[in-house]
């Protein structure tokens, strides 16, 4: 697996864009989308809609992936209650 970012094209709400992520992030991004039953384009569009203007899309995707991994690792007793 390479640490060098790989550029891939995504379609966000009908508009093509390219995003550069390391292969490990692309793999995890695809796995998260699959777990949610959506395409990576749909997941990227949701992340894009939620990110602030000070954050680039690639950075927002990386932070999202990290948050998902951390949420999986959190013991059930540490999960926020409703």
Protein backbone atom coordinates (compact mmCIF):
# COMPACT_ATOMS: atom_id res chain seq x y z
CA UNK A 1 0.00 0.00 0.00
CA UNK A 2 1.35 3.38 -0.93
CA UNK A 3 1.42 6.44 1.30
CA UNK A 4 1.31 8.69 -1.76
CA UNK A 5 -2.17 10.17 -2.35
CA UNK A 6 -4.12 8.75 -5.29
CA UNK A 7 -6.45 11.05 -7.21
CA UNK A 8 -9.88 9.65 -8.03
CA UNK A 9 -12.95 11.24 -9.57
CA UNK A 10 -16.21 11.57 -7.68
CA UNK A 11 -19.59 12.94 -8.68
CA UNK A 12 -21.19 15.18 -6.07
CA UNK A 13 -24.79 16.16 -6.81
CA UNK A 14 -24.17 15.92 -10.56
CA UNK A 15 -20.80 17.69 -10.56
CA UNK A 16 -17.51 15.88 -11.16
CA UNK A 17 -14.59 16.58 -8.85
CA UNK A 18 -11.36 14.83 -8.03
CA UNK A 19 -10.11 13.96 -4.57
CA UNK A 20 -6.62 12.83 -3.55
CA UNK A 21 -6.47 10.33 -0.69
CA UNK A 22 -3.98 7.69 0.34
CA UNK A 23 -4.99 4.14 -0.65
CA UNK A 24 -5.70 3.19 2.98
CA UNK A 25 -8.24 6.02 3.17
CA UNK A 26 -9.83 5.02 -0.17
CA UNK A 27 -10.23 1.45 1.10
CA UNK A 28 -11.79 2.54 4.37
CA UNK A 29 -13.99 5.10 2.57
CA UNK A 30 -15.38 2.35 0.31
CA UNK A 31 -15.89 0.04 3.31
CA UNK A 32 -17.82 2.71 5.26
CA UNK A 33 -20.02 3.50 2.26
CA UNK A 34 -20.70 -0.21 1.77
CA UNK A 35 -21.61 -0.63 5.48
CA UNK A 36 -24.07 2.23 5.11
CA UNK A 37 -25.48 0.77 1.89
CA UNK A 38 -24.63 3.84 -0.19
CA UNK A 39 -22.14 4.71 -2.91
CA UNK A 40 -18.93 6.59 -2.17
CA UNK A 41 -20.36 9.41 -4.29
CA UNK A 42 -23.37 9.67 -1.96
CA UNK A 43 -21.17 9.52 1.12
CA UNK A 44 -18.80 12.14 -0.30
CA UNK A 45 -21.76 14.40 -1.10
CA UNK A 46 -23.02 14.10 2.50
CA UNK A 47 -19.55 14.88 3.88
CA UNK A 48 -19.23 17.78 1.44
CA UNK A 49 -22.57 19.22 2.56
CA UNK A 50 -21.53 19.04 6.24
CA UNK A 51 -17.99 20.42 5.94
CA UNK A 52 -17.12 23.99 6.68
CA UNK A 53 -15.70 26.33 4.09
CA UNK A 54 -12.35 26.28 5.89
CA UNK A 55 -11.93 22.56 5.21
CA UNK A 56 -11.10 20.95 1.88
CA UNK A 57 -13.08 17.90 0.77
CA UNK A 58 -10.13 15.49 1.07
CA UNK A 59 -9.44 16.68 4.61
CA UNK A 60 -13.12 16.43 5.52
CA UNK A 61 -13.22 12.85 4.20
CA UNK A 62 -10.12 11.89 6.21
CA UNK A 63 -11.58 13.38 9.41
CA UNK A 64 -14.91 11.61 8.76
CA UNK A 65 -13.13 8.28 8.26
CA UNK A 66 -11.13 8.79 11.46
CA UNK A 67 -14.30 9.59 13.41
CA UNK A 68 -15.97 6.43 12.08
CA UNK A 69 -12.99 4.27 13.06
CA UNK A 70 -12.87 5.83 16.53
CA UNK A 71 -16.61 5.30 16.97
CA UNK A 72 -16.19 1.60 16.15
CA UNK A 73 -13.42 1.25 18.72
CA UNK A 74 -15.28 3.04 21.53
CA UNK A 75 -16.63 0.62 24.15
CA UNK A 76 -20.42 0.53 24.38
CA UNK A 77 -20.25 2.02 27.90
CA UNK A 78 -18.49 5.10 26.43
CA UNK A 79 -21.12 5.69 23.74
CA UNK A 80 -23.15 8.86 24.15
CA UNK A 81 -26.63 8.29 25.57
CA UNK A 82 -29.79 9.87 24.17
